[in-house]
Amino acid sequence: MADPLKIIAWADANQLPVLQRAMASGLVDVIGIGSPDLDDGISLSKAMKVEQLKDLRSALHGTEHDIAWIAARDALDTAARSAIRTSDRPVATSTLPPDPVLELLAEPDDGLPAHLVPMMRQSPGFIAAAGALDGFGRIECVHISMTSGQEQSSPWARLYDAMDIVLHMLGEPDEVFAAHAGPRPLQADGLAGLAGHFSVAARFPNQATATIVVSDGGGSWDRRLLVLGDEGRLIVNDHAAEWTHVEGDRDESGAPSEEPADAGTLVAQQLQRIVEDVTEPEAPGTRGRVLKLCESARISCLTGQAEGVIAP
């Protein structure tokens, strides 16, 4: 087994268990950690017995790490994005920028200069499903469920994750209808502090349909994908895939596991794939297109009406 990657992390205090699970995978070794809150940075560095990083920009321009991981919610602000663009080392993030989407789309990289982790399209289960998807025929219906605890992810990040799959499998929809529920209402002009649950339905030109449920109120990590079409039913999770043909026969791929998937291990796996440059390919412009789908859903939540995909 290769030596663990040396990583630096920028995290919130409640994300300590996620960091510890990443370390327990044996794939990464955290050599420095910081936080937007200085006191949280102190507590995290003591808990993990590693160097405290006090300034994100300076840390990103260090030379001792293989890759940096920005996990703290809402940490991908304008200054952080600028620092990422000038870093010589790869940077991954589990959070999305808190800025308005239209402002992000005006930036050359659509406001997303870092690798996004953990994305389901990069998970072992989805990669294992690739062969089945190639022979699945016409996809008619997709349902995606992604739930987590607040320390593992935000609903906005998981909505991006789910929309990335929808775009990959079905293209852009004609319209999106969405609703949001949770402890705090959506704000019309910002994304900072977003929490709760999104429910989304999308209709496509070829009569296909997709539905999405994402939440940070699920307590633990769980991602599931259901695909229906000409050739039966495909069920995918982070570990494996199961294809049930229309005749009832079943094919399994991947490595089914009785152990639940966890965000920390999935992040560690994807950090390794990024450094090794073996991630699944992403078409140019994909990130901006996915952001537009997310913003269309957010606008639908605010207006209470179905919305088309926002214009460039």
Protein backbone atom coordinates (compact mmCIF):
# COMPACT_ATOMS: atom_id res chain seq x y z
CA MET A 1 0.00 0.00 0.00
CA ALA A 2 1.30 3.45 -0.90
CA ASP A 3 2.11 5.95 1.80
CA PRO A 4 -0.86 8.08 2.94
CA LEU A 5 -1.25 11.46 1.29
CA LYS A 6 -0.05 14.39 3.34
CA ILE A 7 -2.97 16.79 3.56
CA ILE A 8 -3.82 20.05 5.26
CA ALA A 9 -7.41 20.75 6.25
CA TRP A 10 -9.55 23.79 7.00
CA ALA A 11 -12.59 22.75 9.02
CA ASP A 12 -15.26 23.63 11.55
CA ALA A 13 -15.08 22.22 15.09
CA ASN A 14 -18.05 19.88 14.57
CA GLN A 15 -16.27 18.24 11.61
CA LEU A 16 -13.69 16.51 13.80
CA PRO A 17 -15.38 13.07 13.41
CA VAL A 18 -15.30 13.41 9.62
CA LEU A 19 -11.59 14.25 9.73
CA GLN A 20 -10.94 11.30 12.03
CA ARG A 21 -12.76 8.91 9.70
CA ALA A 22 -10.68 10.19 6.79
CA MET A 23 -7.52 9.52 8.80
CA ALA A 24 -8.78 6.07 9.85
CA SER A 25 -9.03 5.08 6.18
CA GLY A 26 -5.23 4.96 6.03
CA LEU A 27 -5.30 6.92 2.77
CA VAL A 28 -4.50 10.35 4.18
CA ASP A 29 -2.42 11.85 6.96
CA VAL A 30 -3.49 15.29 8.21
CA ILE A 31 -0.29 17.27 8.88
CA GLY A 32 -1.90 20.62 9.64
CA ILE A 33 -5.35 21.95 10.42
CA GLY A 34 -7.03 25.32 10.79
CA SER A 35 -10.48 26.80 11.07
CA PRO A 36 -12.29 30.06 10.26
CA ASP A 37 -12.67 30.38 14.04
CA LEU A 38 -9.28 30.66 15.75
CA ASP A 39 -10.44 28.91 18.94
CA ASP A 40 -11.89 26.06 16.89
CA GLY A 41 -8.56 25.78 15.12
CA ILE A 42 -6.80 25.42 18.46
CA SER A 43 -9.19 22.70 19.63
CA LEU A 44 -8.94 20.81 16.34
CA SER A 45 -5.14 20.89 16.30
CA LYS A 46 -5.02 19.63 19.90
CA ALA A 47 -7.53 16.86 19.19
CA MET A 48 -5.64 15.68 16.12
CA LYS A 49 -2.18 16.41 17.53
CA VAL A 50 -1.05 18.31 14.45
CA GLU A 51 0.13 21.82 13.64
CA GLN A 52 -2.47 24.58 13.79
CA LEU A 53 -2.87 26.58 10.59
CA LYS A 54 -3.87 30.16 11.32
CA ASP A 55 -4.22 31.59 7.82
CA LEU A 56 -5.81 29.71 4.92
CA ARG A 57 -4.05 31.67 2.17
CA SER A 58 -0.60 31.05 3.66
CA ALA A 59 -1.41 27.38 4.23
CA LEU A 60 -2.50 26.87 0.61
CA HIS A 61 0.84 28.20 -0.59
CA GLY A 62 2.83 25.79 1.58
CA THR A 63 4.94 23.04 0.05
CA GLU A 64 4.80 20.20 2.59
CA HIS A 65 1.38 18.81 1.65
CA ASP A 66 0.14 16.78 -1.33
CA ILE A 67 -3.35 18.28 -1.37
CA ALA A 68 -5.46 20.69 0.71
CA TRP A 69 -9.03 20.00 1.83
CA ILE A 70 -11.38 22.90 2.65
CA ALA A 71 -14.27 21.42 4.62
CA ALA A 72 -15.54 24.37 6.68
CA ARG A 73 -18.96 25.59 5.62
CA ASP A 74 -19.08 28.88 3.72
CA ALA A 75 -15.25 29.09 3.74
CA LEU A 76 -14.94 29.32 -0.04
CA ASP A 77 -15.26 33.10 -0.14
CA THR A 78 -13.66 35.47 -2.66
CA ALA A 79 -10.31 35.52 -0.84
CA ALA A 80 -10.19 31.73 -0.56
CA ARG A 81 -11.00 31.28 -4.24
CA SER A 82 -8.23 33.69 -5.20
CA ALA A 83 -5.75 31.79 -3.03
CA ILE A 84 -6.77 28.47 -4.58
CA ARG A 85 -6.14 29.81 -8.09
CA THR A 86 -2.55 30.71 -7.21
CA SER A 87 -1.74 27.55 -5.25
CA ASP A 88 0.82 25.14 -6.71
CA ARG A 89 -0.80 22.18 -4.95
CA PRO A 90 -4.25 20.72 -5.72
CA VAL A 91 -7.12 21.88 -3.54
CA ALA A 92 -10.38 20.05 -2.80
CA THR A 93 -13.46 21.38 -1.08
CA SER A 94 -16.59 19.97 0.54
CA THR A 95 -18.29 23.35 0.60
CA LEU A 96 -19.64 25.66 -2.08
CA PRO A 97 -19.12 29.43 -2.27
CA PRO A 98 -21.67 31.45 -0.27
CA ASP A 99 -21.79 34.17 -2.95
CA PRO A 100 -24.79 34.65 -5.28
CA VAL A 101 -24.65 32.20 -8.17
CA LEU A 102 -24.87 34.87 -10.88
CA GLU A 103 -21.74 36.50 -9.44
CA LEU A 104 -19.93 33.15 -9.43
CA LEU A 105 -20.86 32.49 -13.05
CA ALA A 106 -19.10 35.73 -14.01
CA GLU A 107 -15.78 34.32 -12.76
CA PRO A 108 -13.60 32.45 -15.28
CA ASP A 109 -13.98 29.09 -13.52
CA ASP A 110 -17.64 29.68 -12.52
CA GLY A 111 -16.46 30.40 -8.99
CA LEU A 112 -15.39 26.79 -8.41
CA PRO A 113 -11.58 26.62 -8.70
CA ALA A 114 -11.23 23.58 -6.40
CA HIS A 115 -12.07 19.89 -6.84
CA LEU A 116 -15.42 19.08 -5.22
CA VAL A 117 -15.48 16.15 -2.78
CA PRO A 118 -17.08 13.75 -2.15
CA MET A 119 -19.02 13.67 -5.42
CA MET A 120 -21.20 10.62 -6.02
CA ARG A 121 -20.11 10.34 -9.66
CA GLN A 122 -16.59 9.72 -8.30
CA SER A 123 -17.71 7.12 -5.73
CA PRO A 124 -16.87 3.39 -6.03
CA GLY A 125 -20.55 2.54 -6.45
CA PHE A 126 -21.21 4.93 -9.33
CA ILE A 127 -17.96 3.99 -11.07
CA ALA A 128 -18.99 0.32 -10.75
CA ALA A 129 -22.36 1.17 -12.34
CA ALA A 130 -20.72 2.57 -15.50
CA GLY A 131 -20.96 -0.72 -17.40
CA ALA A 132 -24.61 -1.15 -16.50
CA LEU A 133 -25.41 2.41 -17.54
CA ASP A 134 -23.71 1.87 -20.91
CA GLY A 135 -26.11 -1.00 -21.63
CA PHE A 136 -29.16 0.33 -19.86
CA GLY A 137 -30.89 1.86 -22.86
CA ARG A 138 -33.20 4.85 -22.56
CA ILE A 139 -33.33 6.34 -19.07
CA GLU A 140 -36.87 7.44 -18.22
CA CYS A 141 -36.82 8.23 -14.51
CA VAL A 142 -34.10 9.12 -12.01
CA HIS A 143 -34.55 9.54 -8.26
CA ILE A 144 -31.70 10.72 -6.02
CA SER A 145 -31.65 10.83 -2.23
CA MET A 146 -28.72 12.37 -0.35
CA THR A 147 -28.92 12.93 3.39
CA SER A 148 -26.29 13.65 6.02
CA GLY A 149 -25.62 15.21 9.39
CA GLN A 150 -24.73 18.89 9.56
CA GLU A 151 -21.09 18.11 10.28
CA GLN A 152 -20.80 16.05 7.10
CA SER A 153 -22.26 18.33 4.47
CA SER A 154 -24.68 21.13 3.61
CA PRO A 155 -27.90 20.68 1.59
CA TRP A 156 -26.54 23.12 -1.02
CA ALA A 157 -23.43 20.97 -1.57
CA ARG A 158 -25.54 17.83 -1.85
CA LEU A 159 -27.98 19.54 -4.21
CA TYR A 160 -24.98 20.33 -6.44
CA ASP A 161 -23.90 16.68 -6.15
CA ALA A 162 -27.35 15.43 -7.17
CA MET A 163 -27.75 17.95 -10.01
CA ASP A 164 -24.36 16.85 -11.34
CA ILE A 165 -25.75 13.32 -11.73
CA VAL A 166 -28.98 14.58 -13.30
CA LEU A 167 -27.06 16.64 -15.88
CA HIS A 168 -24.73 13.71 -16.59
CA MET A 169 -27.59 11.26 -17.17
CA LEU A 170 -30.39 13.35 -18.66
CA GLY A 171 -28.99 16.73 -19.72
CA GLU A 172 -30.72 20.02 -18.92
CA PRO A 173 -34.41 19.96 -17.97
CA ASP A 174 -37.19 22.06 -19.44
CA GLU A 175 -38.23 23.18 -15.97
CA VAL A 176 -37.51 22.64 -12.30
CA PHE A 177 -39.96 22.79 -9.40
CA ALA A 178 -38.53 22.80 -5.88
CA ALA A 179 -39.43 23.38 -2.26
CA HIS A 180 -37.31 24.01 0.82
CA ALA A 181 -38.08 23.25 4.46
CA GLY A 182 -36.05 23.53 7.61
CA PRO A 183 -35.16 25.58 10.67
CA ARG A 184 -34.29 28.74 8.73
CA PRO A 185 -36.03 30.10 5.61
CA LEU A 186 -34.13 30.63 2.39
CA GLN A 187 -32.71 34.10 1.86
CA ALA A 188 -33.39 35.85 -1.42
CA ASP A 189 -29.86 37.24 -1.79
CA GLY A 190 -27.39 34.80 -0.26
CA LEU A 191 -26.44 31.21 0.49
CA ALA A 192 -24.47 31.54 3.74
CA GLY A 193 -25.81 29.40 6.56
CA LEU A 194 -28.20 27.49 4.33
CA ALA A 195 -29.61 24.41 6.10
CA GLY A 196 -32.58 22.06 5.97
CA HIS A 197 -34.11 20.03 3.17
CA PHE A 198 -34.66 20.45 -0.58
CA SER A 199 -37.22 18.52 -2.61
CA VAL A 200 -36.90 18.93 -6.40
CA ALA A 201 -38.74 17.65 -9.47
CA ALA A 202 -37.49 18.19 -13.03
CA ARG A 203 -39.09 17.51 -16.43
CA PHE A 204 -37.01 16.89 -19.55
CA PRO A 205 -37.65 17.37 -23.30
CA ASN A 206 -37.65 13.61 -23.99
CA GLN A 207 -40.41 12.97 -21.40
CA ALA A 208 -37.89 11.79 -18.82
CA THR A 209 -38.20 12.93 -15.22
CA ALA A 210 -35.96 13.32 -12.18
CA THR A 211 -36.68 13.85 -8.51
CA ILE A 212 -34.23 14.81 -5.77
CA VAL A 213 -34.32 14.92 -1.97
CA VAL A 214 -31.30 16.34 -0.13
CA SER A 215 -30.91 17.23 3.54
CA ASP A 216 -28.38 17.93 6.28
CA GLY A 217 -30.90 16.76 8.88
CA GLY A 218 -30.49 13.03 8.30
CA GLY A 219 -28.05 12.37 11.15
CA SER A 220 -25.76 10.11 9.13
CA TRP A 221 -24.40 9.85 5.59
CA ASP A 222 -26.55 8.16 2.96
CA ARG A 223 -26.62 8.56 -0.84
CA ARG A 224 -28.84 6.51 -3.14
CA LEU A 225 -29.65 6.62 -6.83
CA LEU A 226 -32.59 4.87 -8.52
CA VAL A 227 -32.70 4.68 -12.32
CA LEU A 228 -35.68 3.31 -14.29
CA GLY A 229 -35.83 2.76 -18.02
CA ASP A 230 -36.08 0.38 -20.97
CA GLU A 231 -33.89 -2.24 -19.35
CA GLY A 232 -35.33 -2.36 -15.83
CA ARG A 233 -34.09 -0.84 -12.58
CA LEU A 234 -30.64 0.23 -11.42
CA ILE A 235 -29.97 1.01 -7.75
CA VAL A 236 -26.65 2.63 -6.84
CA ASN A 237 -25.12 3.64 -3.52
CA ASP A 238 -21.62 4.74 -2.58
CA HIS A 239 -20.36 1.14 -2.46
CA ALA A 240 -22.06 -0.79 -5.24
CA ALA A 241 -24.74 -1.07 -7.92
CA GLU A 242 -27.52 -3.58 -8.59
CA TRP A 243 -29.23 -3.90 -11.98
CA THR A 244 -32.58 -5.69 -12.02
CA HIS A 245 -33.52 -6.54 -15.61
CA VAL A 246 -37.12 -6.37 -16.82
CA GLU A 247 -37.22 -10.19 -16.69
CA GLY A 248 -36.26 -10.10 -12.99
CA ASP A 249 -32.64 -11.27 -13.28
CA ARG A 250 -30.12 -9.32 -11.19
CA ASP A 251 -26.52 -8.24 -11.82
CA GLU A 252 -24.35 -6.74 -9.09
CA SER A 253 -21.18 -4.71 -9.50
CA GLY A 254 -18.84 -2.99 -7.08
CA ALA A 255 -18.27 -4.19 -3.52
CA PRO A 256 -21.52 -4.38 -1.53
CA SER A 257 -20.91 -3.62 2.12
CA GLU A 258 -22.90 -4.01 5.30
CA GLU A 259 -20.97 -1.06 6.70
CA PRO A 260 -22.59 2.29 5.95
CA ALA A 261 -20.64 4.70 3.79
CA ASP A 262 -19.17 7.71 5.57
CA ALA A 263 -18.16 11.11 4.29
CA GLY A 264 -14.62 10.99 5.70
CA THR A 265 -13.64 7.77 3.94
CA LEU A 266 -15.22 8.88 0.67
CA VAL A 267 -13.32 12.18 0.81
CA ALA A 268 -10.05 10.36 1.48
CA GLN A 269 -10.65 8.05 -1.50
CA GLN A 270 -11.38 10.97 -3.80
CA LEU A 271 -8.41 13.01 -2.59
CA GLN A 272 -6.23 10.07 -3.55
CA ARG A 273 -7.84 9.85 -7.00
CA ILE A 274 -7.31 13.60 -7.53
CA VAL A 275 -3.61 13.40 -6.68
CA GLU A 276 -3.23 10.31 -8.89
CA ASP A 277 -5.17 12.09 -11.67
CA VAL A 278 -7.62 9.21 -12.16
CA THR A 279 -10.90 11.02 -11.49
CA GLU A 280 -13.88 10.46 -13.79
CA PRO A 281 -13.80 13.02 -16.64
CA GLU A 282 -15.86 16.21 -16.48
CA ALA A 283 -16.93 18.01 -19.66
CA PRO A 284 -15.87 21.67 -19.99
CA GLY A 285 -18.45 24.03 -18.52
CA THR A 286 -20.07 21.34 -16.38
CA ARG A 287 -19.68 23.21 -13.09
CA GLY A 288 -21.38 26.33 -14.38
CA ARG A 289 -24.24 24.29 -15.85
CA VAL A 290 -24.75 22.45 -12.55
CA LEU A 291 -24.72 25.71 -10.61
CA LYS A 292 -27.44 27.05 -12.92
CA LEU A 293 -29.61 24.02 -12.16
CA CYS A 294 -29.11 24.54 -8.43
CA GLU A 295 -29.97 28.22 -8.71
CA SER A 296 -33.08 27.43 -10.73
CA ALA A 297 -34.21 25.13 -7.92
CA ARG A 298 -33.47 27.79 -5.30
CA ILE A 299 -35.45 30.41 -7.24
CA SER A 300 -38.35 27.95 -7.54
CA CYS A 301 -38.30 27.56 -3.75
CA LEU A 302 -38.63 31.34 -3.40
CA THR A 303 -41.30 31.86 -6.06
CA GLY A 304 -43.33 28.71 -5.47
CA GLN A 305 -43.43 28.13 -9.23
CA ALA A 306 -41.68 25.94 -11.76
CA GLU A 307 -38.63 27.65 -13.25
CA GLY A 308 -36.64 27.17 -16.42
CA VAL A 309 -32.87 26.90 -16.27
CA ILE A 310 -31.47 30.38 -15.64
CA ALA A 311 -29.87 32.15 -18.58
CA PRO A 312 -26.04 32.59 -18.71
